[in-house]
Protein backbone atom coordinates (compact mmCIF):
# COMPACT_ATOMS: atom_id res chain seq x y z
CA UNK A 1 37.74 -1.64 22.26
CA UNK A 2 34.94 -1.50 24.87
CA UNK A 3 34.76 2.32 24.59
CA UNK A 4 31.11 2.51 25.65
CA UNK A 5 31.62 0.39 28.76
CA UNK A 6 34.84 2.18 29.70
CA UNK A 7 33.18 5.59 29.51
CA UNK A 8 30.23 4.53 31.67
CA UNK A 9 32.44 2.94 34.32
CA UNK A 10 34.62 6.04 34.33
CA UNK A 11 31.52 8.12 35.00
CA UNK A 12 30.59 5.90 37.94
CA UNK A 13 34.04 6.27 39.51
CA UNK A 14 34.06 10.05 39.07
CA UNK A 15 30.93 10.33 41.22
CA UNK A 16 32.99 9.02 44.13
CA UNK A 17 35.71 11.63 43.63
CA UNK A 18 35.98 13.91 46.65
CA UNK A 19 34.20 11.50 48.99
CA UNK A 20 36.02 11.14 52.31
CA UNK A 21 34.99 7.58 53.13
CA UNK A 22 33.22 4.55 51.72
CA UNK A 23 29.73 4.08 53.13
CA UNK A 24 26.46 2.37 52.27
CA UNK A 25 25.15 5.43 50.43
CA UNK A 26 28.02 6.25 48.07
CA UNK A 27 28.84 2.61 47.41
CA UNK A 28 25.17 2.02 46.63
CA UNK A 29 25.20 4.82 44.04
CA UNK A 30 28.40 3.53 42.50
CA UNK A 31 27.11 -0.05 42.32
CA UNK A 32 23.90 1.09 40.67
CA UNK A 33 25.85 2.88 37.93
CA UNK A 34 28.26 -0.02 37.48
CA UNK A 35 25.37 -2.45 37.22
CA UNK A 36 23.68 -0.31 34.56
CA UNK A 37 26.96 0.00 32.65
CA UNK A 38 27.52 -3.76 32.61
CA UNK A 39 23.95 -4.61 31.65
CA UNK A 40 24.14 -1.97 28.91
CA UNK A 41 27.27 -3.73 27.67
CA UNK A 42 25.21 -6.92 27.20
CA UNK A 43 26.96 -8.73 30.04
CA UNK A 44 25.09 -11.79 31.32
CA UNK A 45 22.67 -10.80 34.10
CA UNK A 46 23.87 -13.48 36.53
CA UNK A 47 27.44 -12.38 35.94
CA UNK A 48 26.55 -8.75 36.65
CA UNK A 49 24.66 -9.66 39.81
CA UNK A 50 27.58 -11.66 41.19
CA UNK A 51 30.21 -9.07 40.31
CA UNK A 52 28.25 -6.15 41.79
CA UNK A 53 27.58 -8.05 45.02
CA UNK A 54 31.22 -9.13 45.35
CA UNK A 55 32.43 -5.56 44.82
CA UNK A 56 29.90 -4.23 47.34
CA UNK A 57 30.93 -6.70 50.03
CA UNK A 58 34.65 -6.12 49.54
CA UNK A 59 34.20 -2.35 49.49
CA UNK A 60 32.45 -2.38 52.88
CA UNK A 61 34.58 -5.13 54.40
CA UNK A 62 37.16 -4.87 57.14
CA UNK A 63 40.03 -5.09 54.68
CA UNK A 64 39.38 -1.65 53.15
CA UNK A 65 42.36 0.66 53.61
CA UNK A 66 41.21 3.80 55.39
CA UNK A 67 43.89 6.04 53.88
CA UNK A 68 42.77 5.33 50.31
CA UNK A 69 39.99 7.40 48.75
CA UNK A 70 36.69 5.70 47.82
CA UNK A 71 37.33 6.19 44.09
CA UNK A 72 40.76 4.61 44.32
CA UNK A 73 39.52 1.69 46.38
CA UNK A 74 36.54 0.92 44.14
CA UNK A 75 38.69 1.04 41.00
CA UNK A 76 41.13 -1.43 42.56
CA UNK A 77 38.35 -3.78 43.70
CA UNK A 78 36.52 -3.62 40.35
CA UNK A 79 39.81 -4.28 38.53
CA UNK A 80 40.44 -7.36 40.67
CA UNK A 81 36.88 -8.65 40.19
CA UNK A 82 36.94 -8.14 36.42
CA UNK A 83 40.26 -9.98 36.28
CA UNK A 84 38.85 -12.90 38.23
CA UNK A 85 35.68 -12.88 36.13
CA UNK A 86 37.70 -13.30 32.93
CA UNK A 87 39.80 -16.16 34.31
CA UNK A 88 42.29 -14.70 36.74
CA UNK A 89 45.43 -15.61 34.82
CA UNK A 90 46.48 -16.25 31.25
CA UNK A 91 46.13 -19.85 30.05
CA UNK A 92 48.60 -20.84 27.30
CA UNK A 93 48.09 -23.55 24.70
CA UNK A 94 48.77 -26.99 26.15
CA UNK A 95 50.48 -28.76 23.24
CA UNK A 96 51.93 -32.20 23.85
CA UNK A 97 55.70 -32.54 23.47
CA UNK A 98 55.62 -36.34 23.46
CA UNK A 99 52.94 -36.86 20.83
CA UNK A 100 53.83 -35.48 17.40
CA UNK A 101 52.19 -33.81 15.78
CA UNK A 102 50.29 -32.00 18.51
CA UNK A 103 46.77 -31.33 17.24
CA UNK A 104 44.75 -28.11 17.45
CA UNK A 105 41.15 -28.34 16.27
CA UNK A 106 39.28 -25.11 15.49
CA UNK A 107 35.47 -24.99 15.75
CA UNK A 108 32.74 -22.35 15.64
CA UNK A 109 29.94 -20.84 13.62
CA UNK A 110 30.38 -19.75 10.01
CA UNK A 111 31.55 -16.16 9.85
CA UNK A 112 33.18 -16.24 13.28
CA UNK A 113 36.68 -16.00 11.82
CA UNK A 114 37.78 -19.63 12.23
CA UNK A 115 39.79 -19.86 9.02
CA UNK A 116 41.57 -16.57 9.56
CA UNK A 117 42.34 -17.51 13.16
CA UNK A 118 43.81 -20.85 12.05
CA UNK A 119 46.26 -19.01 9.80
CA UNK A 120 47.09 -16.44 12.50
CA UNK A 121 47.78 -19.22 14.99
CA UNK A 122 49.95 -21.03 12.44
CA UNK A 123 52.07 -17.92 11.97
CA UNK A 124 52.36 -17.41 15.72
CA UNK A 125 53.47 -21.01 16.27
CA UNK A 126 55.94 -20.85 13.38
CA UNK A 127 57.44 -17.70 14.84
CA UNK A 128 57.96 -19.53 18.13
CA UNK A 129 59.97 -22.26 16.39
CA UNK A 130 57.22 -24.77 15.56
CA UNK A 131 56.65 -26.39 12.17
CA UNK A 132 52.84 -26.30 11.68
CA UNK A 133 50.63 -27.76 8.96
CA UNK A 134 47.17 -26.37 8.22
CA UNK A 135 44.37 -28.74 7.22
CA UNK A 136 41.40 -27.49 5.17
CA UNK A 137 38.61 -29.64 6.65
CA UNK A 138 35.86 -27.07 6.03
CA UNK A 139 34.56 -28.92 2.98
CA UNK A 140 31.16 -27.24 2.73
CA UNK A 141 31.60 -23.47 2.63
CA UNK A 142 32.32 -22.24 -0.90
CA UNK A 143 35.92 -21.03 -1.28
CA UNK A 144 36.86 -22.06 2.28
CA UNK A 145 39.73 -24.22 1.03
CA UNK A 146 40.96 -21.48 -1.31
CA UNK A 147 40.79 -18.95 1.51
CA UNK A 148 42.95 -21.11 3.76
CA UNK A 149 45.43 -21.72 0.93
CA UNK A 150 45.72 -17.98 0.34
CA UNK A 151 46.24 -17.30 4.04
CA UNK A 152 48.67 -20.19 4.32
CA UNK A 153 50.78 -18.73 1.52
CA UNK A 154 50.71 -15.35 3.27
CA UNK A 155 52.08 -16.81 6.52
CA UNK A 156 54.38 -19.28 4.70
CA UNK A 157 52.71 -22.35 6.21
CA UNK A 158 51.71 -25.31 3.99
CA UNK A 159 48.04 -26.27 3.68
CA UNK A 160 46.84 -29.85 3.25
CA UNK A 161 43.68 -30.36 1.19
CA UNK A 162 42.15 -32.98 -1.10
CA UNK A 163 39.25 -33.01 -3.53
CA UNK A 164 36.96 -34.67 -1.04
CA UNK A 165 33.67 -33.67 0.65
CA UNK A 166 34.33 -35.93 3.63
CA UNK A 167 35.81 -33.87 6.47
CA UNK A 168 36.94 -37.00 8.33
CA UNK A 169 38.99 -38.25 5.38
CA UNK A 170 40.57 -34.82 4.93
CA UNK A 171 41.49 -34.56 8.62
CA UNK A 172 42.90 -38.08 8.96
CA UNK A 173 44.92 -37.86 5.75
CA UNK A 174 46.13 -34.47 6.92
CA UNK A 175 47.33 -36.08 10.15
CA UNK A 176 49.30 -38.68 8.19
CA UNK A 177 50.75 -35.94 5.97
CA UNK A 178 51.88 -34.06 9.06
CA UNK A 179 53.67 -37.15 10.38
CA UNK A 180 55.31 -37.82 7.03
CA UNK A 181 56.40 -34.20 6.67
CA UNK A 182 57.83 -33.93 10.21
CA UNK A 183 55.33 -31.24 11.20
CA UNK A 184 55.06 -30.93 14.97
CA UNK A 185 51.68 -29.12 15.04
CA UNK A 186 48.54 -29.87 13.05
CA UNK A 187 45.87 -27.13 12.89
CA UNK A 188 42.53 -28.40 11.60
CA UNK A 189 40.05 -25.83 10.28
CA UNK A 190 36.57 -27.40 10.56
CA UNK A 191 33.25 -26.50 9.00
CA UNK A 192 30.78 -24.10 10.53
CA UNK A 193 27.14 -23.26 9.88
CA UNK A 194 25.14 -20.07 9.98
CA UNK A 195 23.50 -21.51 13.07
CA UNK A 196 23.94 -24.50 15.37
CA UNK A 197 22.54 -27.78 14.01
CA UNK A 198 22.87 -31.45 14.91
CA UNK A 199 24.71 -32.40 11.73
CA UNK A 200 27.48 -29.88 12.38
CA UNK A 201 27.81 -30.91 16.02
CA UNK A 202 27.87 -34.61 15.14
CA UNK A 203 30.66 -34.05 12.61
CA UNK A 204 32.67 -31.97 15.09
CA UNK A 205 32.23 -34.65 17.77
CA UNK A 206 33.39 -37.35 15.35
CA UNK A 207 36.46 -35.31 14.40
CA UNK A 208 37.29 -34.72 18.06
CA UNK A 209 37.04 -38.43 18.85
CA UNK A 210 39.21 -39.37 15.88
CA UNK A 211 41.87 -36.64 16.18
CA UNK A 212 41.98 -36.52 19.99
CA UNK A 213 43.20 -32.90 19.82
CA UNK A 214 45.51 -31.45 22.44
CA UNK A 215 43.48 -28.25 22.12
CA UNK A 216 39.94 -27.85 20.84
CA UNK A 217 39.41 -24.11 20.46
CA UNK A 218 36.02 -22.49 20.05
CA UNK A 219 36.14 -19.34 17.91
CA UNK A 220 33.39 -16.77 18.41
CA UNK A 221 32.62 -13.27 17.13
CA UNK A 222 32.74 -11.02 20.23
CA UNK A 223 30.42 -8.48 18.58
CA UNK A 224 27.56 -10.98 18.96
CA UNK A 225 27.42 -10.05 22.65
CA UNK A 226 25.15 -12.26 24.73
CA UNK A 227 24.42 -14.48 21.72
CA UNK A 228 28.15 -15.30 21.61
CA UNK A 229 27.84 -16.60 25.16
CA UNK A 230 24.76 -18.69 24.32
CA UNK A 231 26.56 -20.17 21.29
CA UNK A 232 29.63 -20.97 23.40
CA UNK A 233 27.48 -22.79 25.94
CA UNK A 234 25.78 -24.86 23.23
CA UNK A 235 29.13 -25.86 21.71
CA UNK A 236 30.67 -26.62 25.08
CA UNK A 237 27.74 -28.83 26.11
CA UNK A 238 28.41 -31.03 23.07
CA UNK A 239 32.15 -30.72 22.49
CA UNK A 240 33.62 -29.84 25.89
CA UNK A 241 36.19 -27.57 24.23
CA UNK A 242 39.44 -26.46 25.90
CA UNK A 243 39.44 -22.74 25.31
CA UNK A 244 37.82 -19.74 23.65
CA UNK A 245 39.09 -17.40 20.94
CA UNK A 246 37.39 -13.99 20.76
CA UNK A 247 37.53 -12.44 17.29
CA UNK A 248 36.71 -8.90 16.08
CA UNK A 249 37.45 -7.57 19.56
CA UNK A 250 38.70 -4.31 18.06
CA UNK A 251 35.18 -3.56 16.83
CA UNK A 252 33.44 -4.41 20.12
CA UNK A 253 32.53 -1.24 22.06
CA UNK A 254 30.50 -3.06 24.72
CA UNK A 255 32.45 -6.10 25.96
CA UNK A 256 29.56 -8.38 26.92
CA UNK A 257 31.09 -11.53 25.44
CA UNK A 258 34.55 -11.03 26.97
CA UNK A 259 33.10 -10.42 30.43
CA UNK A 260 30.50 -13.21 30.39
CA UNK A 261 31.83 -16.15 28.44
CA UNK A 262 34.46 -17.41 30.92
CA UNK A 263 31.99 -17.43 33.82
CA UNK A 264 29.21 -19.15 31.85
CA UNK A 265 31.20 -21.96 30.17
CA UNK A 266 34.00 -22.18 32.76
CA UNK A 267 36.64 -22.40 30.03
CA UNK A 268 39.52 -19.93 29.61
CA UNK A 269 39.76 -17.31 26.90
CA UNK A 270 43.11 -18.12 25.29
CA UNK A 271 43.38 -15.72 22.36
CA UNK A 272 41.86 -12.50 21.10
CA UNK A 273 41.87 -11.28 17.52
CA UNK A 274 42.10 -7.51 17.18
CA UNK A 275 42.20 -6.95 13.42
CA UNK A 276 42.15 -8.56 10.00
CA UNK A 277 45.91 -8.79 9.43
CA UNK A 278 47.66 -12.11 10.06
CA UNK A 279 49.67 -10.50 12.88
CA UNK A 280 46.57 -9.26 14.71
CA UNK A 281 46.38 -12.06 17.27
CA UNK A 282 47.24 -11.74 20.95
CA UNK A 283 47.16 -14.03 23.94
CA UNK A 284 44.36 -13.10 26.33
CA UNK A 285 45.50 -11.79 29.72
CA UNK A 286 42.55 -11.20 32.09
CA UNK A 287 44.40 -8.68 34.26
CA UNK A 288 45.56 -6.64 31.28
CA UNK A 289 42.08 -6.68 29.75
CA UNK A 290 40.54 -5.50 33.03
CA UNK A 291 42.94 -2.56 33.09
CA UNK A 292 42.09 -1.65 29.50
CA UNK A 293 38.38 -1.77 30.27
CA UNK A 294 38.97 0.63 33.17
CA UNK A 295 40.94 3.01 30.94
CA UNK A 296 44.28 2.25 32.60
CA UNK A 297 45.96 1.04 29.42
CA UNK A 298 48.22 -1.99 29.02
CA UNK A 299 51.85 -0.96 29.04
CA UNK A 300 53.15 -4.53 29.37
CA UNK A 301 51.43 -5.64 26.14
CA UNK A 302 52.62 -2.45 24.42
CA UNK A 303 56.24 -3.19 25.32
CA UNK A 304 55.88 -6.86 24.32
CA UNK A 305 54.41 -5.90 20.95
CA UNK A 306 57.21 -3.38 20.40
CA UNK A 307 59.86 -5.97 21.23
CA UNK A 308 58.20 -8.48 18.92
CA UNK A 309 57.61 -6.13 15.98
CA UNK A 310 60.39 -3.56 16.01
CA UNK A 311 63.96 -3.81 14.88
CA UNK A 312 65.55 -3.24 18.28
CA UNK A 313 69.00 -2.50 16.86
CA UNK A 314 67.52 0.19 14.61
CA UNK A 315 65.57 1.56 17.59
CA UNK A 316 68.76 1.82 19.66
CA UNK A 317 70.44 3.66 16.80
CA UNK A 318 67.50 6.05 16.69
CA UNK A 319 67.85 6.69 20.42
CA UNK A 320 71.53 7.57 19.96
CA UNK A 321 70.61 10.00 17.18
CA UNK A 322 68.00 11.61 19.41
CA UNK A 323 70.53 12.13 22.16
CA UNK A 324 72.90 13.77 19.65
CA UNK A 325 70.06 15.78 18.05
CA UNK A 326 70.71 14.02 14.71
CA UNK A 327 67.21 12.56 14.22
CA UNK A 328 65.96 13.60 10.75
CA UNK A 329 63.06 12.92 8.39
CA UNK A 330 64.76 9.80 7.02
CA UNK A 331 64.67 8.35 10.55
CA UNK A 332 61.10 9.55 11.01
CA UNK A 333 60.05 7.75 7.81
CA UNK A 334 61.77 4.55 8.98
CA UNK A 335 60.02 4.78 12.35
CA UNK A 336 56.64 5.09 10.61
CA UNK A 337 57.31 1.85 8.77
CA UNK A 338 58.18 0.09 12.04
CA UNK A 339 55.16 1.56 13.82
CA UNK A 340 52.85 0.16 11.13
CA UNK A 341 54.18 -3.34 11.89
CA UNK A 342 52.85 -3.12 15.45
CA UNK A 343 49.19 -3.06 14.36
CA UNK A 344 46.41 -0.50 14.19
CA UNK A 345 46.95 2.87 15.85
CA UNK A 346 43.69 2.47 17.72
CA UNK A 347 44.88 -0.72 19.46
CA UNK A 348 48.24 0.86 20.28
CA UNK A 349 46.69 4.04 21.70
CA UNK A 350 44.44 1.95 23.97
CA UNK A 351 47.51 0.36 25.55
CA UNK A 352 48.97 3.66 26.74
CA UNK A 353 47.46 4.83 30.07
CA UNK A 354 45.33 7.94 29.64
CA UNK A 355 46.16 8.40 25.97
CA UNK A 356 42.90 6.82 24.80
CA UNK A 357 41.07 9.61 26.64
CA UNK A 358 43.14 12.28 24.92
CA UNK A 359 42.82 11.08 21.34
CA UNK A 360 39.24 10.97 19.94
CA UNK A 361 38.31 7.69 18.30
CA UNK A 362 37.26 9.44 15.08
CA UNK A 363 40.76 10.89 14.77
CA UNK A 364 42.25 7.40 14.96
CA UNK A 365 39.81 6.01 12.41
CA UNK A 366 40.71 8.79 9.97
CA UNK A 367 44.45 8.50 10.59
CA UNK A 368 46.33 7.84 7.37
CA UNK A 369 50.12 7.64 7.04
CA UNK A 370 50.07 7.71 3.24
CA UNK A 371 50.06 11.54 2.82
CA UNK A 372 52.94 11.80 5.33
CA UNK A 373 54.91 9.14 3.47
CA UNK A 374 54.19 10.85 0.14
CA UNK A 375 55.40 14.22 1.45
CA UNK A 376 58.66 12.81 2.79
CA UNK A 377 59.22 10.77 -0.38
CA UNK A 378 58.90 13.99 -2.44
CA UNK A 379 61.79 15.64 -0.60
CA UNK A 380 65.39 15.65 -1.72
CA UNK A 381 68.05 13.82 0.27
CA UNK A 382 69.30 17.11 1.67
CA UNK A 383 65.81 18.23 2.67
CA UNK A 384 65.21 15.03 4.60
CA UNK A 385 68.51 15.42 6.43
CA UNK A 386 68.12 19.18 7.04
CA UNK A 387 64.40 20.05 7.12
CA UNK A 388 65.23 23.55 8.33
CA UNK A 389 66.28 24.49 4.75
CA UNK A 390 62.76 23.84 3.40
CA UNK A 391 61.59 27.32 2.46
CA UNK A 392 58.40 28.48 0.76
CA UNK A 393 59.32 27.50 -2.79
CA UNK A 394 60.54 24.09 -1.65
CA UNK A 395 57.29 23.54 0.24
CA UNK A 396 55.29 24.31 -2.90
CA UNK A 397 57.38 21.84 -4.93
CA UNK A 398 57.02 19.12 -2.26
CA UNK A 399 53.25 19.63 -2.05
CA UNK A 400 52.91 19.40 -5.83
CA UNK A 401 55.07 16.30 -6.01
CA UNK A 402 53.20 14.51 -3.21
CA UNK A 403 49.69 15.46 -4.30
CA UNK A 404 49.06 17.32 -1.05
CA UNK A 405 48.66 20.97 0.01
CA UNK A 406 51.32 23.36 1.23
CA UNK A 407 49.38 23.48 4.53
CA UNK A 408 49.92 19.72 4.86
CA UNK A 409 53.67 20.11 4.35
CA UNK A 410 53.74 22.94 6.91
CA UNK A 411 51.82 20.82 9.42
CA UNK A 412 54.14 17.84 8.98
CA UNK A 413 57.26 19.95 9.49
CA UNK A 414 55.76 21.60 12.56
CA UNK A 415 54.71 18.28 14.08
CA UNK A 416 58.08 16.74 13.29
CA UNK A 417 59.82 19.54 15.16
CA UNK A 418 57.55 19.14 18.19
CA UNK A 419 57.88 15.36 18.15
CA UNK A 420 61.66 15.60 17.95
CA UNK A 421 61.75 17.75 21.09
CA UNK A 422 59.39 15.42 22.96
CA UNK A 423 61.24 12.26 21.96
CA UNK A 424 64.57 13.78 23.00
CA UNK A 425 63.12 14.58 26.43
CA UNK A 426 61.80 11.03 26.82
CA UNK A 427 65.12 9.63 25.69
CA UNK A 428 66.94 11.69 28.35
CA UNK A 429 64.60 10.41 31.05
CA UNK A 430 65.20 6.84 29.91
CA UNK A 431 68.93 7.44 29.94
CA UNK A 432 68.69 8.63 33.54
CA UNK A 433 67.26 5.27 34.58
CA UNK A 434 63.55 6.14 34.72
CA UNK A 435 61.60 3.25 33.23
CA UNK A 436 58.32 1.42 33.51
CA UNK A 437 58.68 -1.49 35.92
CA UNK A 438 55.16 -2.91 36.18
CA UNK A 439 51.51 -2.48 35.32
CA UNK A 440 51.05 -0.70 38.65
CA UNK A 441 52.16 2.46 36.84
CA UNK A 442 48.94 2.30 34.83
CA UNK A 443 46.87 2.10 38.02
CA UNK A 444 48.81 4.95 39.64
CA UNK A 445 48.25 7.24 36.66
CA UNK A 446 44.57 6.37 36.50
CA UNK A 447 43.99 7.08 40.20
CA UNK A 448 45.84 10.41 40.06
CA UNK A 449 43.70 11.82 37.22
């Protein structure tokens, strides 16, 4: 995510390394590089101009701490400005508790990911204790209704649809069905077009007036860059939506939409979609995103995702085994299954401070757990419990049974041994009371590089 922008900003900060003080000359050089990096990321020109000027003024102002190096100070100021640019603080959904069902209306261009987002949101709300109903009001796009039904079945949320080409009838009957079925949230998936047109906007306006949604969310493909911002402005001028959802953020190496859209439309970014799976939806936190853009990771989100996805009781049992040196390949296999629940490895690596710089992106893209799982599955019960007994002939049998090479088996066993040592060391540190207390750790690690 935003790899190109992160690398260029990192280069700008490194030029300040070793400088004794902040002055007009070195801050001018840094601002020039930052400006080029942001414009190259397709960030709105007015946004870039304001951010660069704000950073320049704060860097040369009276409040600058003299004991902090220029690189450290600029990183902190840029982090604060990026956070403010993207909204300052996270804005949750504002769903009415007195009016049931609360209504969420989803709008956007065709291909932006509206239907998939609707299902992801439904799953998220259901997980939080809500009882949502999805409404298939995209009556024009071929297979749109079937797509929502398929996704609804995947997230175990019912979908209301009728054989009708009138979106208003579908939506209003869906509202009545939600009331009758005691659903407390109604999520209405509306029609999009390949481009903005009056007919689409008029229908969306009519639906908004009839449904009076608690939240009207505009879904946009972040990879569209500046065009995503222009589209958001056009929709907001007509619909006055409540919040933005950025999709396909995991494939966006530049970040222009995320950094521009809040400033241009003055509406908060509420969610970001970082993959195609129904679990790949996160709330948008401006401060955390700023830290990720600056290569400082996002430990808080990592811990939250772990707590949400992992079996904490099983994880505690694993920690006890590590402390007793009883962690074996059965446990390793179980941990792989849990790790896969947390999302793509690329998104997880980006959350750990500094780790995204250590692991090349191409290695993450080519990462495949299937050979590892096949190798472990081809072992006997004893071999999984006592990998040290796996000799040459056993390795050949395991490789043959898993469809891999002996070298692959050797590599897995070697990496397992190294990982076991590392995890035991980490576990000891944790047991001694050393733990992550805040996102400031990410900033500290970044500044000490």
